[in-house]
Amino acid sequence: MMHMNSPMPIDVDALKDKLVEELNISHLSPEERDMVLDKVAELLMKRATFEVYTLIPQSEHEKIDALTELGKDAEVADIVRKYVPNVQEVAAQAIRDELEEYKKSLETVAAE
């Protein structure tokens, strides 16, 4: 079973700042903005984690899950880097792809 909480070396604060800009939500109250950002950031992190996880051999998934449960993030990161040395690029592309899909869905809803 895949854990979507696998440690990913991503700066969440920088991601949120970028999302405020990308989603054009700076006009919202801080509470509303945080609510939107939390949902979107969760979706983006899940997508990035999923994309990275699919590049790791199935035989390593159980080991990663067990290490994640034990809080051994450094060991998980070592496995991830072993199979996905360009993890930052893979995660960034997954985030860009998911963000574009999300923005398109917002445009579709706004047009209805």
PDB file of N, CA and C in Angstrom:
ATOM      1  N   MET A   1       0.849  -1.181   0.000  1.00  0.00           N
ATOM      2  CA  MET A   1       0.000   0.000   0.000  1.00  0.00           C
ATOM      3  C   MET A   1       0.892   1.241   0.000  1.00  0.00           C
ATOM      4  N   MET A   2       0.533   2.216  -0.813  1.00  0.00           N
ATOM      5  CA  MET A   2       1.345   3.409  -0.943  1.00  0.00           C
ATOM      6  C   MET A   2       0.922   4.464   0.060  1.00  0.00           C
ATOM      7  N   HIS A   3       1.889   5.020   0.748  1.00  0.00           N
ATOM      8  CA  HIS A   3       1.617   6.134   1.653  1.00  0.00           C
ATOM      9  C   HIS A   3       1.836   7.422   0.896  1.00  0.00           C
ATOM     10  N   MET A   4       0.846   8.280   0.887  1.00  0.00           N
ATOM     11  CA  MET A   4       0.962   9.539   0.186  1.00  0.00           C
ATOM     12  C   MET A   4       1.734  10.563   1.012  1.00  0.00           C
ATOM     13  N   ASN A   5       2.126  10.201   2.221  1.00  0.00           N
ATOM     14  CA  ASN A   5       2.858  11.127   3.082  1.00  0.00           C
ATOM     15  C   ASN A   5       4.361  10.905   3.022  1.00  0.00           C
ATOM     16  N   SER A   6       4.831  10.152   2.037  1.00  0.00           N
ATOM     17  CA  SER A   6       6.262   9.908   1.949  1.00  0.00           C
ATOM     18  C   SER A   6       7.001  11.231   1.928  1.00  0.00           C
ATOM     19  N   PRO A   7       8.130  11.318   2.625  1.00  0.00           N
ATOM     20  CA  PRO A   7       8.855  12.579   2.694  1.00  0.00           C
ATOM     21  C   PRO A   7       9.296  13.038   1.309  1.00  0.00           C
ATOM     22  N   MET A   8       8.981  14.262   0.999  1.00  0.00           N
ATOM     23  CA  MET A   8       9.375  14.851  -0.276  1.00  0.00           C
ATOM     24  C   MET A   8      10.119  16.139   0.053  1.00  0.00           C
ATOM     25  N   PRO A   9      11.287  16.338  -0.515  1.00  0.00           N
ATOM     26  CA  PRO A   9      12.048  17.552  -0.220  1.00  0.00           C
ATOM     27  C   PRO A   9      11.498  18.755  -0.982  1.00  0.00           C
ATOM     28  N   ILE A  10      10.342  19.262  -0.545  1.00  0.00           N
ATOM     29  CA  ILE A  10       9.681  20.379  -1.210  1.00  0.00           C
ATOM     30  C   ILE A  10       9.396  21.457  -0.174  1.00  0.00           C
ATOM     31  N   ASP A  11       9.679  22.699  -0.518  1.00  0.00           N
ATOM     32  CA  ASP A  11       9.436  23.843   0.352  1.00  0.00           C
ATOM     33  C   ASP A  11       7.963  24.224   0.254  1.00  0.00           C
ATOM     34  N   VAL A  12       7.170  23.837   1.233  1.00  0.00           N
ATOM     35  CA  VAL A  12       5.726  24.040   1.217  1.00  0.00           C
ATOM     36  C   VAL A  12       5.371  25.527   1.256  1.00  0.00           C
ATOM     37  N   ASP A  13       6.113  26.325   2.017  1.00  0.00           N
ATOM     38  CA  ASP A  13       5.818  27.760   2.080  1.00  0.00           C
ATOM     39  C   ASP A  13       6.022  28.427   0.727  1.00  0.00           C
ATOM     40  N   ALA A  14       7.090  28.065   0.045  1.00  0.00           N
ATOM     41  CA  ALA A  14       7.344  28.620  -1.291  1.00  0.00           C
ATOM     42  C   ALA A  14       6.253  28.179  -2.258  1.00  0.00           C
ATOM     43  N   LEU A  15       5.824  26.937  -2.118  1.00  0.00           N
ATOM     44  CA  LEU A  15       4.745  26.419  -2.960  1.00  0.00           C
ATOM     45  C   LEU A  15       3.458  27.214  -2.725  1.00  0.00           C
ATOM     46  N   LYS A  16       3.128  27.476  -1.484  1.00  0.00           N
ATOM     47  CA  LYS A  16       1.917  28.237  -1.172  1.00  0.00           C
ATOM     48  C   LYS A  16       1.984  29.651  -1.730  1.00  0.00           C
ATOM     49  N   ASP A  17       3.144  30.304  -1.610  1.00  0.00           N
ATOM     50  CA  ASP A  17       3.297  31.651  -2.171  1.00  0.00           C
ATOM     51  C   ASP A  17       3.083  31.631  -3.683  1.00  0.00           C
ATOM     52  N   LYS A  18       3.632  30.640  -4.328  1.00  0.00           N
ATOM     53  CA  LYS A  18       3.480  30.497  -5.784  1.00  0.00           C
ATOM     54  C   LYS A  18       2.018  30.248  -6.141  1.00  0.00           C
ATOM     55  N   LEU A  19       1.334  29.454  -5.336  1.00  0.00           N
ATOM     56  CA  LEU A  19      -0.076  29.151  -5.600  1.00  0.00           C
ATOM     57  C   LEU A  19      -0.960  30.390  -5.476  1.00  0.00           C
ATOM     58  N   VAL A  20      -0.685  31.222  -4.495  1.00  0.00           N
ATOM     59  CA  VAL A  20      -1.465  32.466  -4.339  1.00  0.00           C
ATOM     60  C   VAL A  20      -1.372  33.261  -5.636  1.00  0.00           C
ATOM     61  N   GLU A  21      -0.173  33.336  -6.165  1.00  0.00           N
ATOM     62  CA  GLU A  21       0.049  34.062  -7.418  1.00  0.00           C
ATOM     63  C   GLU A  21      -0.626  33.349  -8.595  1.00  0.00           C
ATOM     64  N   GLU A  22      -0.394  32.043  -8.741  1.00  0.00           N
ATOM     65  CA  GLU A  22      -0.923  31.271  -9.861  1.00  0.00           C
ATOM     66  C   GLU A  22      -2.448  31.237  -9.893  1.00  0.00           C
ATOM     67  N   LEU A  23      -3.047  31.106  -8.716  1.00  0.00           N
ATOM     68  CA  LEU A  23      -4.504  30.984  -8.639  1.00  0.00           C
ATOM     69  C   LEU A  23      -5.200  32.341  -8.525  1.00  0.00           C
ATOM     70  N   ASN A  24      -4.405  33.396  -8.442  1.00  0.00           N
ATOM     71  CA  ASN A  24      -4.950  34.749  -8.362  1.00  0.00           C
ATOM     72  C   ASN A  24      -5.939  34.869  -7.197  1.00  0.00           C
ATOM     73  N   ILE A  25      -5.489  34.465  -6.006  1.00  0.00           N
ATOM     74  CA  ILE A  25      -6.383  34.487  -4.838  1.00  0.00           C
ATOM     75  C   ILE A  25      -5.882  35.419  -3.739  1.00  0.00           C
ATOM     76  N   SER A  26      -5.004  36.341  -4.090  1.00  0.00           N
ATOM     77  CA  SER A  26      -4.469  37.255  -3.083  1.00  0.00           C
ATOM     78  C   SER A  26      -5.547  38.176  -2.518  1.00  0.00           C
ATOM     79  N   HIS A  27      -6.659  38.333  -3.238  1.00  0.00           N
ATOM     80  CA  HIS A  27      -7.749  39.193  -2.777  1.00  0.00           C
ATOM     81  C   HIS A  27      -8.598  38.552  -1.678  1.00  0.00           C
ATOM     82  N   LEU A  28      -8.468  37.256  -1.486  1.00  0.00           N
ATOM     83  CA  LEU A  28      -9.253  36.563  -0.460  1.00  0.00           C
ATOM     84  C   LEU A  28      -8.725  36.904   0.929  1.00  0.00           C
ATOM     85  N   SER A  29      -9.588  36.727   1.919  1.00  0.00           N
ATOM     86  CA  SER A  29      -9.134  36.919   3.298  1.00  0.00           C
ATOM     87  C   SER A  29      -8.073  35.862   3.614  1.00  0.00           C
ATOM     88  N   PRO A  30      -7.216  36.116   4.591  1.00  0.00           N
ATOM     89  CA  PRO A  30      -6.191  35.119   4.935  1.00  0.00           C
ATOM     90  C   PRO A  30      -6.786  33.740   5.255  1.00  0.00           C
ATOM     91  N   GLU A  31      -7.936  33.722   5.923  1.00  0.00           N
ATOM     92  CA  GLU A  31      -8.571  32.447   6.269  1.00  0.00           C
ATOM     93  C   GLU A  31      -9.050  31.714   5.012  1.00  0.00           C
ATOM     94  N   GLU A  32      -9.687  32.456   4.106  1.00  0.00           N
ATOM     95  CA  GLU A  32     -10.167  31.837   2.862  1.00  0.00           C
ATOM     96  C   GLU A  32      -8.991  31.368   2.007  1.00  0.00           C
ATOM     97  N   ARG A  33      -7.964  32.198   1.945  1.00  0.00           N
ATOM     98  CA  ARG A  33      -6.780  31.854   1.163  1.00  0.00           C
ATOM     99  C   ARG A  33      -6.139  30.588   1.720  1.00  0.00           C
ATOM    100  N   ASP A  34      -6.013  30.505   3.048  1.00  0.00           N
ATOM    101  CA  ASP A  34      -5.425  29.319   3.663  1.00  0.00           C
ATOM    102  C   ASP A  34      -6.253  28.068   3.384  1.00  0.00           C
ATOM    103  N   MET A  35      -7.564  28.217   3.399  1.00  0.00           N
ATOM    104  CA  MET A  35      -8.442  27.078   3.128  1.00  0.00           C
ATOM    105  C   MET A  35      -8.225  26.564   1.700  1.00  0.00           C
ATOM    106  N   VAL A  36      -8.193  27.480   0.736  1.00  0.00           N
ATOM    107  CA  VAL A  36      -7.966  27.094  -0.663  1.00  0.00           C
ATOM    108  C   VAL A  36      -6.572  26.489  -0.812  1.00  0.00           C
ATOM    109  N   LEU A  37      -5.589  27.144  -0.240  1.00  0.00           N
ATOM    110  CA  LEU A  37      -4.210  26.677  -0.367  1.00  0.00           C
ATOM    111  C   LEU A  37      -4.000  25.303   0.252  1.00  0.00           C
ATOM    112  N   ASP A  38      -4.611  25.069   1.395  1.00  0.00           N
ATOM    113  CA  ASP A  38      -4.460  23.766   2.038  1.00  0.00           C
ATOM    114  C   ASP A  38      -4.981  22.655   1.137  1.00  0.00           C
ATOM    115  N   LYS A  39      -6.137  22.879   0.534  1.00  0.00           N
ATOM    116  CA  LYS A  39      -6.721  21.869  -0.356  1.00  0.00           C
ATOM    117  C   LYS A  39      -5.860  21.654  -1.589  1.00  0.00           C
ATOM    118  N   VAL A  40      -5.470  22.753  -2.220  1.00  0.00           N
ATOM    119  CA  VAL A  40      -4.676  22.652  -3.446  1.00  0.00           C
ATOM    120  C   VAL A  40      -3.301  22.063  -3.149  1.00  0.00           C
ATOM    121  N   ALA A  41      -2.662  22.514  -2.083  1.00  0.00           N
ATOM    122  CA  ALA A  41      -1.337  21.985  -1.726  1.00  0.00           C
ATOM    123  C   ALA A  41      -1.406  20.490  -1.457  1.00  0.00           C
ATOM    124  N   GLU A  42      -2.476  20.052  -0.811  1.00  0.00           N
ATOM    125  CA  GLU A  42      -2.643  18.620  -0.555  1.00  0.00           C
ATOM    126  C   GLU A  42      -2.740  17.843  -1.867  1.00  0.00           C
ATOM    127  N   LEU A  43      -3.519  18.354  -2.805  1.00  0.00           N
ATOM    128  CA  LEU A  43      -3.643  17.704  -4.114  1.00  0.00           C
ATOM    129  C   LEU A  43      -2.297  17.661  -4.842  1.00  0.00           C
ATOM    130  N   LEU A  44      -1.577  18.771  -4.800  1.00  0.00           N
ATOM    131  CA  LEU A  44      -0.291  18.839  -5.488  1.00  0.00           C
ATOM    132  C   LEU A  44       0.728  17.888  -4.873  1.00  0.00           C
ATOM    133  N   MET A  45       0.765  17.835  -3.566  1.00  0.00           N
ATOM    134  CA  MET A  45       1.716  16.936  -2.904  1.00  0.00           C
ATOM    135  C   MET A  45       1.383  15.473  -3.186  1.00  0.00           C
ATOM    136  N   LYS A  46       0.091  15.161  -3.206  1.00  0.00           N
ATOM    137  CA  LYS A  46      -0.303  13.785  -3.529  1.00  0.00           C
ATOM    138  C   LYS A  46       0.128  13.425  -4.939  1.00  0.00           C
ATOM    139  N   ARG A  47      -0.085  14.339  -5.869  1.00  0.00           N
ATOM    140  CA  ARG A  47       0.298  14.082  -7.262  1.00  0.00           C
ATOM    141  C   ARG A  47       1.804  13.910  -7.376  1.00  0.00           C
ATOM    142  N   ALA A  48       2.565  14.787  -6.743  1.00  0.00           N
ATOM    143  CA  ALA A  48       4.025  14.704  -6.811  1.00  0.00           C
ATOM    144  C   ALA A  48       4.533  13.409  -6.191  1.00  0.00           C
ATOM    145  N   THR A  49       3.990  13.070  -5.037  1.00  0.00           N
ATOM    146  CA  THR A  49       4.392  11.837  -4.365  1.00  0.00           C
ATOM    147  C   THR A  49       4.046  10.616  -5.214  1.00  0.00           C
ATOM    148  N   PHE A  50       2.858  10.626  -5.794  1.00  0.00           N
ATOM    149  CA  PHE A  50       2.433   9.519  -6.647  1.00  0.00           C
ATOM    150  C   PHE A  50       3.378   9.358  -7.837  1.00  0.00           C
ATOM    151  N   GLU A  51       3.681  10.463  -8.501  1.00  0.00           N
ATOM    152  CA  GLU A  51       4.553  10.399  -9.683  1.00  0.00           C
ATOM    153  C   GLU A  51       5.931   9.862  -9.320  1.00  0.00           C
ATOM    154  N   VAL A  52       6.486  10.313  -8.210  1.00  0.00           N
ATOM    155  CA  VAL A  52       7.793   9.820  -7.774  1.00  0.00           C
ATOM    156  C   VAL A  52       7.693   8.338  -7.419  1.00  0.00           C
ATOM    157  N   TYR A  53       6.655   7.980  -6.692  1.00  0.00           N
ATOM    158  CA  TYR A  53       6.478   6.600  -6.225  1.00  0.00           C
ATOM    159  C   TYR A  53       6.370   5.621  -7.388  1.00  0.00           C
ATOM    160  N   THR A  54       5.751   6.047  -8.488  1.00  0.00           N
ATOM    161  CA  THR A  54       5.595   5.144  -9.636  1.00  0.00           C
ATOM    162  C   THR A  54       6.926   4.834 -10.303  1.00  0.00           C
ATOM    163  N   LEU A  55       7.944   5.649 -10.057  1.00  0.00           N
ATOM    164  CA  LEU A  55       9.260   5.420 -10.644  1.00  0.00           C
ATOM    165  C   LEU A  55      10.131   4.494  -9.794  1.00  0.00           C
ATOM    166  N   ILE A  56       9.663   4.174  -8.615  1.00  0.00           N
ATOM    167  CA  ILE A  56      10.391   3.292  -7.705  1.00  0.00           C
ATOM    168  C   ILE A  56       9.857   1.874  -7.903  1.00  0.00           C
ATOM    169  N   PRO A  57      10.752   0.884  -8.002  1.00  0.00           N
ATOM    170  CA  PRO A  57      10.288  -0.488  -8.215  1.00  0.00           C
ATOM    171  C   PRO A  57       9.290  -0.936  -7.141  1.00  0.00           C
ATOM    172  N   GLN A  58       8.308  -1.668  -7.577  1.00  0.00           N
ATOM    173  CA  GLN A  58       7.271  -2.198  -6.685  1.00  0.00           C
ATOM    174  C   GLN A  58       7.889  -2.931  -5.493  1.00  0.00           C
ATOM    175  N   SER A  59       8.994  -3.604  -5.736  1.00  0.00           N
ATOM    176  CA  SER A  59       9.651  -4.376  -4.675  1.00  0.00           C
ATOM    177  C   SER A  59      10.119  -3.499  -3.500  1.00  0.00           C
ATOM    178  N   GLU A  60      10.272  -2.208  -3.720  1.00  0.00           N
ATOM    179  CA  GLU A  60      10.721  -1.296  -2.667  1.00  0.00           C
ATOM    180  C   GLU A  60       9.567  -0.622  -1.926  1.00  0.00           C
ATOM    181  N   HIS A  61       8.366  -0.714  -2.448  1.00  0.00           N
ATOM    182  CA  HIS A  61       7.227   0.008  -1.871  1.00  0.00           C
ATOM    183  C   HIS A  61       6.935  -0.403  -0.427  1.00  0.00           C
ATOM    184  N   GLU A  62       6.963  -1.688  -0.153  1.00  0.00           N
ATOM    185  CA  GLU A  62       6.682  -2.156   1.204  1.00  0.00           C
ATOM    186  C   GLU A  62       7.734  -1.639   2.187  1.00  0.00           C
ATOM    187  N   LYS A  63       8.982  -1.666   1.748  1.00  0.00           N
ATOM    188  CA  LYS A  63      10.067  -1.172   2.596  1.00  0.00           C
ATOM    189  C   LYS A  63       9.886   0.327   2.870  1.00  0.00           C
ATOM    190  N   ILE A  64       9.534   1.083   1.860  1.00  0.00           N
ATOM    191  CA  ILE A  64       9.303   2.523   2.025  1.00  0.00           C
ATOM    192  C   ILE A  64       8.153   2.763   2.997  1.00  0.00           C
ATOM    193  N   ASP A  65       7.077   2.009   2.828  1.00  0.00           N
ATOM    194  CA  ASP A  65       5.918   2.167   3.721  1.00  0.00           C
ATOM    195  C   ASP A  65       6.303   1.887   5.168  1.00  0.00           C
ATOM    196  N   ALA A  66       7.071   0.814   5.385  1.00  0.00           N
ATOM    197  CA  ALA A  66       7.474   0.455   6.743  1.00  0.00           C
ATOM    198  C   ALA A  66       8.377   1.535   7.342  1.00  0.00           C
ATOM    199  N   LEU A  67       9.324   2.016   6.572  1.00  0.00           N
ATOM    200  CA  LEU A  67      10.217   3.071   7.059  1.00  0.00           C
ATOM    201  C   LEU A  67       9.450   4.361   7.339  1.00  0.00           C
ATOM    202  N   THR A  68       8.462   4.655   6.501  1.00  0.00           N
ATOM    203  CA  THR A  68       7.639   5.853   6.711  1.00  0.00           C
ATOM    204  C   THR A  68       6.875   5.734   8.021  1.00  0.00           C
ATOM    205  N   GLU A  69       6.303   4.574   8.265  1.00  0.00           N
ATOM    206  CA  GLU A  69       5.566   4.338   9.513  1.00  0.00           C
ATOM    207  C   GLU A  69       6.460   4.519  10.730  1.00  0.00           C
ATOM    208  N   LEU A  70       7.738   4.161  10.593  1.00  0.00           N
ATOM    209  CA  LEU A  70       8.691   4.281  11.694  1.00  0.00           C
ATOM    210  C   LEU A  70       9.299   5.680  11.795  1.00  0.00           C
ATOM    211  N   GLY A  71       8.920   6.556  10.860  1.00  0.00           N
ATOM    212  CA  GLY A  71       9.437   7.923  10.888  1.00  0.00           C
ATOM    213  C   GLY A  71      10.880   8.039  10.428  1.00  0.00           C
ATOM    214  N   LYS A  72      11.348   7.063   9.672  1.00  0.00           N
ATOM    215  CA  LYS A  72      12.743   7.064   9.208  1.00  0.00           C
ATOM    216  C   LYS A  72      12.834   7.764   7.850  1.00  0.00           C
ATOM    217  N   ASP A  73      12.574   9.062   7.882  1.00  0.00           N
ATOM    218  CA  ASP A  73      12.509   9.858   6.664  1.00  0.00           C
ATOM    219  C   ASP A  73      13.822   9.874   5.880  1.00  0.00           C
ATOM    220  N   ALA A  74      14.942   9.907   6.570  1.00  0.00           N
ATOM    221  CA  ALA A  74      16.238   9.946   5.885  1.00  0.00           C
ATOM    222  C   ALA A  74      16.455   8.672   5.074  1.00  0.00           C
ATOM    223  N   GLU A  75      16.059   7.531   5.638  1.00  0.00           N
ATOM    224  CA  GLU A  75      16.216   6.264   4.924  1.00  0.00           C
ATOM    225  C   GLU A  75      15.270   6.207   3.723  1.00  0.00           C
ATOM    226  N   VAL A  76      14.067   6.731   3.885  1.00  0.00           N
ATOM    227  CA  VAL A  76      13.119   6.786   2.766  1.00  0.00           C
ATOM    228  C   VAL A  76      13.702   7.674   1.668  1.00  0.00           C
ATOM    229  N   ALA A  77      14.229   8.819   2.057  1.00  0.00           N
ATOM    230  CA  ALA A  77      14.809   9.747   1.083  1.00  0.00           C
ATOM    231  C   ALA A  77      15.977   9.095   0.331  1.00  0.00           C
ATOM    232  N   ASP A  78      16.762   8.292   1.021  1.00  0.00           N
ATOM    233  CA  ASP A  78      17.868   7.588   0.365  1.00  0.00           C
ATOM    234  C   ASP A  78      17.353   6.643  -0.720  1.00  0.00           C
ATOM    235  N   ILE A  79      16.302   5.903  -0.412  1.00  0.00           N
ATOM    236  CA  ILE A  79      15.713   4.984  -1.393  1.00  0.00           C
ATOM    237  C   ILE A  79      15.152   5.773  -2.576  1.00  0.00           C
ATOM    238  N   VAL A  80      14.448   6.849  -2.265  1.00  0.00           N
ATOM    239  CA  VAL A  80      13.867   7.668  -3.333  1.00  0.00           C
ATOM    240  C   VAL A  80      14.974   8.186  -4.250  1.00  0.00           C
ATOM    241  N   ARG A  81      16.033   8.744  -3.668  1.00  0.00           N
ATOM    242  CA  ARG A  81      17.133   9.278  -4.483  1.00  0.00           C
ATOM    243  C   ARG A  81      17.844   8.194  -5.291  1.00  0.00           C
ATOM    244  N   LYS A  82      17.872   6.979  -4.748  1.00  0.00           N
ATOM    245  CA  LYS A  82      18.521   5.878  -5.461  1.00  0.00           C
ATOM    246  C   LYS A  82      17.805   5.596  -6.785  1.00  0.00           C
ATOM    247  N   TYR A  83      16.487   5.595  -6.750  1.00  0.00           N
ATOM    248  CA  TYR A  83      15.700   5.250  -7.940  1.00  0.00           C
ATOM    249  C   TYR A  83      15.235   6.471  -8.734  1.00  0.00           C
ATOM    250  N   VAL A  84      15.178   7.604  -8.072  1.00  0.00           N
ATOM    251  CA  VAL A  84      14.716   8.836  -8.730  1.00  0.00           C
ATOM    252  C   VAL A  84      15.697   9.953  -8.374  1.00  0.00           C
ATOM    253  N   PRO A  85      16.901   9.917  -8.984  1.00  0.00           N
ATOM    254  CA  PRO A  85      17.903  10.914  -8.632  1.00  0.00           C
ATOM    255  C   PRO A  85      17.476  12.347  -8.960  1.00  0.00           C
ATOM    256  N   ASN A  86      16.559  12.487  -9.890  1.00  0.00           N
ATOM    257  CA  ASN A  86      16.043  13.804 -10.260  1.00  0.00           C
ATOM    258  C   ASN A  86      14.684  14.056  -9.608  1.00  0.00           C
ATOM    259  N   VAL A  87      14.556  13.659  -8.362  1.00  0.00           N
ATOM    260  CA  VAL A  87      13.274  13.726  -7.651  1.00  0.00           C
ATOM    261  C   VAL A  87      12.697  15.140  -7.652  1.00  0.00           C
ATOM    262  N   GLN A  88      13.538  16.144  -7.509  1.00  0.00           N
ATOM    263  CA  GLN A  88      13.038  17.533  -7.498  1.00  0.00           C
ATOM    264  C   GLN A  88      12.367  17.875  -8.819  1.00  0.00           C
ATOM    265  N   GLU A  89      12.985  17.488  -9.925  1.00  0.00           N
ATOM    266  CA  GLU A  89      12.430  17.787 -11.239  1.00  0.00           C
ATOM    267  C   GLU A  89      11.133  17.028 -11.477  1.00  0.00           C
ATOM    268  N   VAL A  90      11.124  15.748 -11.088  1.00  0.00           N
ATOM    269  CA  VAL A  90       9.919  14.931 -11.258  1.00  0.00           C
ATOM    270  C   VAL A  90       8.769  15.521 -10.442  1.00  0.00           C
ATOM    271  N   ALA A  91       9.048  15.864  -9.195  1.00  0.00           N
ATOM    272  CA  ALA A  91       8.014  16.426  -8.324  1.00  0.00           C
ATOM    273  C   ALA A  91       7.542  17.782  -8.857  1.00  0.00           C
ATOM    274  N   ALA A  92       8.476  18.607  -9.303  1.00  0.00           N
ATOM    275  CA  ALA A  92       8.108  19.926  -9.828  1.00  0.00           C
ATOM    276  C   ALA A  92       7.229  19.805 -11.068  1.00  0.00           C
ATOM    277  N   GLN A  93       7.563  18.870 -11.950  1.00  0.00           N
ATOM    278  CA  GLN A  93       6.744  18.687 -13.155  1.00  0.00           C
ATOM    279  C   GLN A  93       5.361  18.172 -12.795  1.00  0.00           C
ATOM    280  N   ALA A  94       5.286  17.259 -11.853  1.00  0.00           N
ATOM    281  CA  ALA A  94       3.986  16.740 -11.410  1.00  0.00           C
ATOM    282  C   ALA A  94       3.138  17.859 -10.817  1.00  0.00           C
ATOM    283  N   ILE A  95       3.767  18.730 -10.051  1.00  0.00           N
ATOM    284  CA  ILE A  95       3.055  19.858  -9.442  1.00  0.00           C
ATOM    285  C   ILE A  95       2.556  20.810 -10.527  1.00  0.00           C
ATOM    286  N   ARG A  96       3.420  21.104 -11.506  1.00  0.00           N
ATOM    287  CA  ARG A  96       2.992  21.982 -12.609  1.00  0.00           C
ATOM    288  C   ARG A  96       1.806  21.371 -13.355  1.00  0.00           C
ATOM    289  N   ASP A  97       1.889  20.075 -13.644  1.00  0.00           N
ATOM    290  CA  ASP A  97       0.813  19.399 -14.377  1.00  0.00           C
ATOM    291  C   ASP A  97      -0.496  19.439 -13.591  1.00  0.00           C
ATOM    292  N   GLU A  98      -0.424  19.132 -12.315  1.00  0.00           N
ATOM    293  CA  GLU A  98      -1.629  19.122 -11.479  1.00  0.00           C
ATOM    294  C   GLU A  98      -2.198  20.533 -11.339  1.00  0.00           C
ATOM    295  N   LEU A  99      -1.337  21.512 -11.196  1.00  0.00           N
ATOM    296  CA  LEU A  99      -1.791  22.899 -11.071  1.00  0.00           C
ATOM    297  C   LEU A  99      -2.507  23.344 -12.347  1.00  0.00           C
ATOM    298  N   GLU A 100      -1.966  22.981 -13.498  1.00  0.00           N
ATOM    299  CA  GLU A 100      -2.618  23.328 -14.762  1.00  0.00           C
ATOM    300  C   GLU A 100      -3.991  22.671 -14.864  1.00  0.00           C
ATOM    301  N   GLU A 101      -4.078  21.406 -14.482  1.00  0.00           N
ATOM    302  CA  GLU A 101      -5.366  20.702 -14.496  1.00  0.00           C
ATOM    303  C   GLU A 101      -6.357  21.378 -13.546  1.00  0.00           C
ATOM    304  N   TYR A 102      -5.874  21.767 -12.377  1.00  0.00           N
ATOM    305  CA  TYR A 102      -6.744  22.416 -11.389  1.00  0.00           C
ATOM    306  C   TYR A 102      -7.237  23.761 -11.909  1.00  0.00           C
ATOM    307  N   LYS A 103      -6.334  24.536 -12.508  1.00  0.00           N
ATOM    308  CA  LYS A 103      -6.720  25.840 -13.039  1.00  0.00           C
ATOM    309  C   LYS A 103      -7.744  25.683 -14.172  1.00  0.00           C
ATOM    310  N   LYS A 104      -7.552  24.675 -15.016  1.00  0.00           N
ATOM    311  CA  LYS A 104      -8.511  24.428 -16.103  1.00  0.00           C
ATOM    312  C   LYS A 104      -9.871  24.053 -15.536  1.00  0.00           C
ATOM    313  N   SER A 105      -9.884  23.261 -14.466  1.00  0.00           N
ATOM    314  CA  SER A 105     -11.173  22.873 -13.871  1.00  0.00           C
ATOM    315  C   SER A 105     -11.860  24.092 -13.270  1.00  0.00           C
ATOM    316  N   LEU A 106     -11.086  25.022 -12.686  1.00  0.00           N
ATOM    317  CA  LEU A 106     -11.665  26.249 -12.157  1.00  0.00           C
ATOM    318  C   LEU A 106     -12.250  27.108 -13.269  1.00  0.00           C
ATOM    319  N   GLU A 107     -11.554  27.182 -14.393  1.00  0.00           N
ATOM    320  CA  GLU A 107     -12.046  27.956 -15.531  1.00  0.00           C
ATOM    321  C   GLU A 107     -13.330  27.358 -16.079  1.00  0.00           C
ATOM    322  N   THR A 108     -13.399  26.037 -16.105  1.00  0.00           N
ATOM    323  CA  THR A 108     -14.605  25.355 -16.588  1.00  0.00           C
ATOM    324  C   THR A 108     -15.783  25.653 -15.674  1.00  0.00           C
ATOM    325  N   VAL A 109     -15.548  25.570 -14.368  1.00  0.00           N
ATOM    326  CA  VAL A 109     -16.622  25.849 -13.398  1.00  0.00           C
ATOM    327  C   VAL A 109     -17.059  27.307 -13.493  1.00  0.00           C
ATOM    328  N   ALA A 110     -16.101  28.213 -13.638  1.00  0.00           N
ATOM    329  CA  ALA A 110     -16.437  29.648 -13.725  1.00  0.00           C
ATOM    330  C   ALA A 110     -17.224  29.964 -15.000  1.00  0.00           C
ATOM    331  N   ALA A 111     -16.986  29.199 -16.051  1.00  0.00           N
ATOM    332  CA  ALA A 111     -17.674  29.446 -17.326  1.00  0.00           C
ATOM    333  C   ALA A 111     -19.103  28.927 -17.321  1.00  0.00           C
ATOM    334  N   GLU A 112     -19.418  28.049 -16.394  1.00  0.00           N
ATOM    335  CA  GLU A 112     -20.775  27.461 -16.352  1.00  0.00           C
ATOM    336  C   GLU A 112     -21.775  28.351 -15.687  1.00  0.00           C
TER     337      GLU A 112
END
